[in-house]
C-alpha cells in the first residue's frame, strides 16, 4: 500500500470531483443520460482516495491471540 500525503489526497479528491462535474456538464450539453451514470465512478473513488494511509501513520498490526483463549 502506497503512502499518500494530505496535499496529494486533496488534489486527487478535487480532480475526481471535477471529473464528476464534467460528466454532468456533458449530460447537460448533449441531452443524454449515460454521463450521469458514469459520474458516480469518480465520486465513489473519492472514498478510496481519502482512506489511503499518510506518511507517519502506522498500519494496524494484528496481534496473535493469547494462549489462554
PDB file of N, CA and C in Angstrom:
ATOM      1  N   UNK A   1       0.850  -1.170   0.000  1.00  0.00           N
ATOM      2  CA  UNK A   1       0.000   0.000   0.000  1.00  0.00           C
ATOM      3  C   UNK A   1       0.898   1.236   0.000  1.00  0.00           C
ATOM      4  N   UNK A   2       0.654   2.143  -0.917  1.00  0.00           N
ATOM      5  CA  UNK A   2       1.485   3.331  -1.011  1.00  0.00           C
ATOM      6  C   UNK A   2       0.985   4.422  -0.069  1.00  0.00           C
ATOM      7  N   UNK A   3       1.928   5.222   0.400  1.00  0.00           N
ATOM      8  CA  UNK A   3       1.596   6.323   1.293  1.00  0.00           C
ATOM      9  C   UNK A   3       1.256   7.556   0.463  1.00  0.00           C
ATOM     10  N   UNK A   4       0.243   8.306   0.891  1.00  0.00           N
ATOM     11  CA  UNK A   4      -0.212   9.485   0.164  1.00  0.00           C
ATOM     12  C   UNK A   4      -0.270  10.653   1.144  1.00  0.00           C
ATOM     13  N   UNK A   5       0.328  11.780   0.763  1.00  0.00           N
ATOM     14  CA  UNK A   5       0.303  12.958   1.633  1.00  0.00           C
ATOM     15  C   UNK A   5      -1.072  13.610   1.600  1.00  0.00           C
ATOM     16  N   UNK A   6      -1.317  14.464   2.572  1.00  0.00           N
ATOM     17  CA  UNK A   6      -2.598  15.159   2.646  1.00  0.00           C
ATOM     18  C   UNK A   6      -2.837  16.066   1.447  1.00  0.00           C
ATOM     19  N   UNK A   7      -1.785  16.704   0.962  1.00  0.00           N
ATOM     20  CA  UNK A   7      -1.915  17.567  -0.203  1.00  0.00           C
ATOM     21  C   UNK A   7      -2.280  16.757  -1.441  1.00  0.00           C
ATOM     22  N   UNK A   8      -1.680  15.601  -1.589  1.00  0.00           N
ATOM     23  CA  UNK A   8      -1.989  14.752  -2.736  1.00  0.00           C
ATOM     24  C   UNK A   8      -3.412  14.206  -2.632  1.00  0.00           C
ATOM     25  N   UNK A   9      -3.853  13.879  -1.416  1.00  0.00           N
ATOM     26  CA  UNK A   9      -5.243  13.438  -1.228  1.00  0.00           C
ATOM     27  C   UNK A   9      -6.211  14.528  -1.658  1.00  0.00           C
ATOM     28  N   UNK A  10      -5.912  15.763  -1.275  1.00  0.00           N
ATOM     29  CA  UNK A  10      -6.769  16.888  -1.646  1.00  0.00           C
ATOM     30  C   UNK A  10      -6.802  17.056  -3.164  1.00  0.00           C
ATOM     31  N   UNK A  11      -5.648  16.947  -3.791  1.00  0.00           N
ATOM     32  CA  UNK A  11      -5.579  17.090  -5.242  1.00  0.00           C
ATOM     33  C   UNK A  11      -6.332  15.996  -5.977  1.00  0.00           C
ATOM     34  N   UNK A  12      -6.186  14.753  -5.519  1.00  0.00           N
ATOM     35  CA  UNK A  12      -6.896  13.633  -6.134  1.00  0.00           C
ATOM     36  C   UNK A  12      -8.402  13.810  -5.958  1.00  0.00           C
ATOM     37  N   UNK A  13      -8.818  14.236  -4.757  1.00  0.00           N
ATOM     38  CA  UNK A  13     -10.240  14.452  -4.496  1.00  0.00           C
ATOM     39  C   UNK A  13     -10.800  15.557  -5.388  1.00  0.00           C
ATOM     40  N   UNK A  14     -10.067  16.657  -5.520  1.00  0.00           N
ATOM     41  CA  UNK A  14     -10.520  17.761  -6.380  1.00  0.00           C
ATOM     42  C   UNK A  14     -10.619  17.312  -7.833  1.00  0.00           C
ATOM     43  N   UNK A  15      -9.653  16.522  -8.296  1.00  0.00           N
ATOM     44  CA  UNK A  15      -9.673  16.028  -9.668  1.00  0.00           C
ATOM     45  C   UNK A  15     -10.866  15.103  -9.911  1.00  0.00           C
ATOM     46  N   UNK A  16     -11.152  14.227  -8.958  1.00  0.00           N
ATOM     47  CA  UNK A  16     -12.277  13.311  -9.117  1.00  0.00           C
ATOM     48  C   UNK A  16     -13.616  14.055  -9.108  1.00  0.00           C
ATOM     49  N   UNK A  17     -13.748  15.067  -8.249  1.00  0.00           N
ATOM     50  CA  UNK A  17     -14.973  15.865  -8.250  1.00  0.00           C
ATOM     51  C   UNK A  17     -15.106  16.651  -9.547  1.00  0.00           C
ATOM     52  N   UNK A  18     -14.003  17.178 -10.064  1.00  0.00           N
ATOM     53  CA  UNK A  18     -14.053  17.902 -11.342  1.00  0.00           C
ATOM     54  C   UNK A  18     -14.466  16.962 -12.469  1.00  0.00           C
ATOM     55  N   UNK A  19     -13.997  15.740 -12.440  1.00  0.00           N
ATOM     56  CA  UNK A  19     -14.384  14.757 -13.447  1.00  0.00           C
ATOM     57  C   UNK A  19     -15.881  14.454 -13.364  1.00  0.00           C
ATOM     58  N   UNK A  20     -16.404  14.333 -12.152  1.00  0.00           N
ATOM     59  CA  UNK A  20     -17.839  14.082 -11.986  1.00  0.00           C
ATOM     60  C   UNK A  20     -18.662  15.276 -12.475  1.00  0.00           C
ATOM     61  N   UNK A  21     -18.231  16.487 -12.172  1.00  0.00           N
ATOM     62  CA  UNK A  21     -18.940  17.676 -12.643  1.00  0.00           C
ATOM     63  C   UNK A  21     -18.860  17.763 -14.167  1.00  0.00           C
ATOM     64  N   UNK A  22     -17.735  17.359 -14.726  1.00  0.00           N
ATOM     65  CA  UNK A  22     -17.601  17.329 -16.180  1.00  0.00           C
ATOM     66  C   UNK A  22     -18.582  16.358 -16.813  1.00  0.00           C
ATOM     67  N   UNK A  23     -18.811  15.221 -16.179  1.00  0.00           N
ATOM     68  CA  UNK A  23     -19.797  14.257 -16.685  1.00  0.00           C
ATOM     69  C   UNK A  23     -21.201  14.847 -16.650  1.00  0.00           C
ATOM     70  N   UNK A  24     -21.524  15.567 -15.594  1.00  0.00           N
ATOM     71  CA  UNK A  24     -22.841  16.210 -15.504  1.00  0.00           C
ATOM     72  C   UNK A  24     -22.969  17.285 -16.571  1.00  0.00           C
ATOM     73  N   UNK A  25     -21.900  18.045 -16.801  1.00  0.00           N
ATOM     74  CA  UNK A  25     -21.932  19.074 -17.839  1.00  0.00           C
ATOM     75  C   UNK A  25     -22.091  18.436 -19.222  1.00  0.00           C
ATOM     76  N   UNK A  26     -21.436  17.314 -19.441  1.00  0.00           N
ATOM     77  CA  UNK A  26     -21.573  16.603 -20.713  1.00  0.00           C
ATOM     78  C   UNK A  26     -23.007  16.120 -20.904  1.00  0.00           C
ATOM     79  N   UNK A  27     -23.610  15.608 -19.847  1.00  0.00           N
ATOM     80  CA  UNK A  27     -25.006  15.161 -19.936  1.00  0.00           C
ATOM     81  C   UNK A  27     -25.930  16.330 -20.254  1.00  0.00           C
ATOM     82  N   UNK A  28     -25.664  17.458 -19.658  1.00  0.00           N
ATOM     83  CA  UNK A  28     -26.488  18.631 -19.912  1.00  0.00           C
ATOM     84  C   UNK A  28     -26.305  19.147 -21.335  1.00  0.00           C
ATOM     85  N   UNK A  29     -25.088  19.131 -21.828  1.00  0.00           N
ATOM     86  CA  UNK A  29     -24.808  19.664 -23.159  1.00  0.00           C
ATOM     87  C   UNK A  29     -25.326  18.761 -24.264  1.00  0.00           C
ATOM     88  N   UNK A  30     -25.338  17.460 -24.031  1.00  0.00           N
ATOM     89  CA  UNK A  30     -25.719  16.524 -25.093  1.00  0.00           C
ATOM     90  C   UNK A  30     -27.131  15.983 -24.946  1.00  0.00           C
ATOM     91  N   UNK A  31     -27.807  16.329 -23.867  1.00  0.00           N
ATOM     92  CA  UNK A  31     -29.148  15.804 -23.578  1.00  0.00           C
ATOM     93  C   UNK A  31     -29.164  14.279 -23.549  1.00  0.00           C
ATOM     94  N   UNK A  32     -28.109  13.702 -23.012  1.00  0.00           N
ATOM     95  CA  UNK A  32     -28.011  12.246 -22.838  1.00  0.00           C
ATOM     96  C   UNK A  32     -27.953  11.961 -21.340  1.00  0.00           C
ATOM     97  N   UNK A  33     -28.357  10.761 -20.943  1.00  0.00           N
ATOM     98  CA  UNK A  33     -28.348  10.427 -19.525  1.00  0.00           C
ATOM     99  C   UNK A  33     -27.165   9.556 -19.116  1.00  0.00           C
ATOM    100  N   UNK A  34     -26.503   8.893 -20.050  1.00  0.00           N
ATOM    101  CA  UNK A  34     -25.438   7.960 -19.663  1.00  0.00           C
ATOM    102  C   UNK A  34     -24.287   8.631 -18.911  1.00  0.00           C
ATOM    103  N   UNK A  35     -23.919   9.909 -19.188  1.00  0.00           N
ATOM    104  CA  UNK A  35     -22.844  10.500 -18.375  1.00  0.00           C
ATOM    105  C   UNK A  35     -23.207  10.642 -16.896  1.00  0.00           C
ATOM    106  N   UNK A  36     -24.504  10.708 -16.597  1.00  0.00           N
ATOM    107  CA  UNK A  36     -24.908  10.799 -15.193  1.00  0.00           C
ATOM    108  C   UNK A  36     -24.599   9.501 -14.449  1.00  0.00           C
ATOM    109  N   UNK A  37     -24.706   8.385 -15.142  1.00  0.00           N
ATOM    110  CA  UNK A  37     -24.372   7.111 -14.518  1.00  0.00           C
ATOM    111  C   UNK A  37     -22.858   6.945 -14.384  1.00  0.00           C
ATOM    112  N   UNK A  38     -22.118   7.478 -15.338  1.00  0.00           N
ATOM    113  CA  UNK A  38     -20.656   7.414 -15.296  1.00  0.00           C
ATOM    114  C   UNK A  38     -20.105   8.342 -14.210  1.00  0.00           C
ATOM    115  N   UNK A  39     -20.825   9.413 -13.897  1.00  0.00           N
ATOM    116  CA  UNK A  39     -20.360  10.388 -12.904  1.00  0.00           C
ATOM    117  C   UNK A  39     -20.208   9.774 -11.519  1.00  0.00           C
ATOM    118  N   UNK A  40     -20.899   8.678 -11.244  1.00  0.00           N
ATOM    119  CA  UNK A  40     -20.782   8.048  -9.932  1.00  0.00           C
ATOM    120  C   UNK A  40     -19.437   7.375  -9.724  1.00  0.00           C
ATOM    121  N   UNK A  41     -18.776   6.968 -10.784  1.00  0.00           N
ATOM    122  CA  UNK A  41     -17.499   6.257 -10.656  1.00  0.00           C
ATOM    123  C   UNK A  41     -16.441   7.128  -9.963  1.00  0.00           C
ATOM    124  N   UNK A  42     -16.189   8.374 -10.410  1.00  0.00           N
ATOM    125  CA  UNK A  42     -15.208   9.176  -9.679  1.00  0.00           C
ATOM    126  C   UNK A  42     -15.664   9.542  -8.267  1.00  0.00           C
ATOM    127  N   UNK A  43     -16.985   9.710  -8.075  1.00  0.00           N
ATOM    128  CA  UNK A  43     -17.453  10.043  -6.726  1.00  0.00           C
ATOM    129  C   UNK A  43     -17.236   8.886  -5.754  1.00  0.00           C
ATOM    130  N   UNK A  44     -17.421   7.671  -6.217  1.00  0.00           N
ATOM    131  CA  UNK A  44     -17.157   6.517  -5.355  1.00  0.00           C
ATOM    132  C   UNK A  44     -15.661   6.302  -5.153  1.00  0.00           C
ATOM    133  N   UNK A  45     -14.858   6.765  -6.094  1.00  0.00           N
ATOM    134  CA  UNK A  45     -13.407   6.640  -5.959  1.00  0.00           C
ATOM    135  C   UNK A  45     -12.837   7.607  -4.921  1.00  0.00           C
ATOM    136  N   UNK A  46     -13.576   8.649  -4.585  1.00  0.00           N
ATOM    137  CA  UNK A  46     -13.125   9.599  -3.562  1.00  0.00           C
ATOM    138  C   UNK A  46     -12.921   8.880  -2.228  1.00  0.00           C
ATOM    139  N   UNK A  47     -13.788   7.951  -1.916  1.00  0.00           N
ATOM    140  CA  UNK A  47     -13.666   7.193  -0.667  1.00  0.00           C
ATOM    141  C   UNK A  47     -12.332   6.450  -0.645  1.00  0.00           C
ATOM    142  N   UNK A  48     -11.975   5.840  -1.755  1.00  0.00           N
ATOM    143  CA  UNK A  48     -10.700   5.123  -1.841  1.00  0.00           C
ATOM    144  C   UNK A  48      -9.536   6.092  -1.658  1.00  0.00           C
ATOM    145  N   UNK A  49      -9.610   7.267  -2.296  1.00  0.00           N
ATOM    146  CA  UNK A  49      -8.518   8.235  -2.229  1.00  0.00           C
ATOM    147  C   UNK A  49      -8.333   8.771  -0.808  1.00  0.00           C
ATOM    148  N   UNK A  50      -9.434   8.997  -0.098  1.00  0.00           N
ATOM    149  CA  UNK A  50      -9.323   9.580   1.240  1.00  0.00           C
ATOM    150  C   UNK A  50      -8.916   8.585   2.310  1.00  0.00           C
ATOM    151  N   UNK A  51      -9.010   7.303   2.042  1.00  0.00           N
ATOM    152  CA  UNK A  51      -8.643   6.306   3.043  1.00  0.00           C
ATOM    153  C   UNK A  51      -7.228   5.771   2.858  1.00  0.00           C
ATOM    154  N   UNK A  52      -6.449   6.329   1.932  1.00  0.00           N
ATOM    155  CA  UNK A  52      -5.064   5.906   1.757  1.00  0.00           C
ATOM    156  C   UNK A  52      -4.264   6.348   2.981  1.00  0.00           C
ATOM    157  N   UNK A  53      -3.333   5.538   3.450  1.00  0.00           N
ATOM    158  CA  UNK A  53      -2.537   5.937   4.619  1.00  0.00           C
ATOM    159  C   UNK A  53      -1.574   7.074   4.282  1.00  0.00           C
ATOM    160  N   UNK A  54      -1.366   7.953   5.261  1.00  0.00           N
ATOM    161  CA  UNK A  54      -0.435   9.061   5.103  1.00  0.00           C
ATOM    162  C   UNK A  54       0.910   8.672   5.687  1.00  0.00           C
ATOM    163  N   UNK A  55       1.999   9.335   5.247  1.00  0.00           N
ATOM    164  CA  UNK A  55       3.300   9.065   5.858  1.00  0.00           C
ATOM    165  C   UNK A  55       3.251   9.380   7.353  1.00  0.00           C
ATOM    166  N   UNK A  56       3.799   8.526   8.157  1.00  0.00           N
ATOM    167  CA  UNK A  56       3.786   8.706   9.600  1.00  0.00           C
ATOM    168  C   UNK A  56       2.691   7.934  10.286  1.00  0.00           C
ATOM    169  N   UNK A  57       1.692   7.499   9.540  1.00  0.00           N
ATOM    170  CA  UNK A  57       0.643   6.664  10.123  1.00  0.00           C
ATOM    171  C   UNK A  57       1.139   5.231  10.156  1.00  0.00           C
ATOM    172  N   UNK A  58       0.913   4.595  11.258  1.00  0.00           N
ATOM    173  CA  UNK A  58       1.297   3.197  11.357  1.00  0.00           C
ATOM    174  C   UNK A  58       0.133   2.336  10.907  1.00  0.00           C
ATOM    175  N   UNK A  59       0.441   1.300  10.163  1.00  0.00           N
ATOM    176  CA  UNK A  59      -0.605   0.370   9.772  1.00  0.00           C
ATOM    177  C   UNK A  59      -0.903  -0.537  10.951  1.00  0.00           C
ATOM    178  N   UNK A  60      -2.170  -0.810  11.205  1.00  0.00           N
ATOM    179  CA  UNK A  60      -2.502  -1.678  12.341  1.00  0.00           C
ATOM    180  C   UNK A  60      -1.967  -3.088  12.128  1.00  0.00           C
ATOM    181  N   UNK A  61      -1.341  -3.588  13.164  1.00  0.00           N
ATOM    182  CA  UNK A  61      -0.792  -4.941  13.127  1.00  0.00           C
ATOM    183  C   UNK A  61      -1.650  -5.822  14.004  1.00  0.00           C
ATOM    184  N   UNK A  62      -2.103  -6.898  13.443  1.00  0.00           N
ATOM    185  CA  UNK A  62      -2.933  -7.807  14.258  1.00  0.00           C
ATOM    186  C   UNK A  62      -2.023  -8.631  15.150  1.00  0.00           C
ATOM    187  N   UNK A  63      -2.395  -8.675  16.396  1.00  0.00           N
ATOM    188  CA  UNK A  63      -1.615  -9.425  17.375  1.00  0.00           C
ATOM    189  C   UNK A  63      -2.195 -10.833  17.490  1.00  0.00           C
ATOM    190  N   UNK A  64      -1.322 -11.810  17.717  1.00  0.00           N
ATOM    191  CA  UNK A  64      -1.844 -13.163  17.884  1.00  0.00           C
ATOM    192  C   UNK A  64      -2.651 -13.245  19.185  1.00  0.00           C
ATOM    193  N   UNK A  65      -3.672 -14.099  19.219  1.00  0.00           N
ATOM    194  CA  UNK A  65      -4.482 -14.230  20.443  1.00  0.00           C
ATOM    195  C   UNK A  65      -3.636 -14.819  21.562  1.00  0.00           C
ATOM    196  N   UNK A  66      -3.987 -14.466  22.807  1.00  0.00           N
ATOM    197  CA  UNK A  66      -3.257 -15.040  23.947  1.00  0.00           C
ATOM    198  C   UNK A  66      -3.454 -16.573  23.988  1.00  0.00           C
ATOM    199  N   UNK A  67      -2.488 -17.237  24.604  1.00  0.00           N
ATOM    200  CA  UNK A  67      -2.544 -18.696  24.657  1.00  0.00           C
ATOM    201  C   UNK A  67      -3.725 -19.235  25.460  1.00  0.00           C
ATOM    202  N   UNK A  68      -4.206 -18.488  26.438  1.00  0.00           N
ATOM    203  CA  UNK A  68      -5.274 -18.962  27.307  1.00  0.00           C
ATOM    204  C   UNK A  68      -6.652 -18.933  26.653  1.00  0.00           C
ATOM    205  N   UNK A  69      -6.790 -18.383  25.487  1.00  0.00           N
ATOM    206  CA  UNK A  69      -8.113 -18.260  24.876  1.00  0.00           C
ATOM    207  C   UNK A  69      -8.338 -19.333  23.853  1.00  0.00           C
TER     208      UNK A  69
END
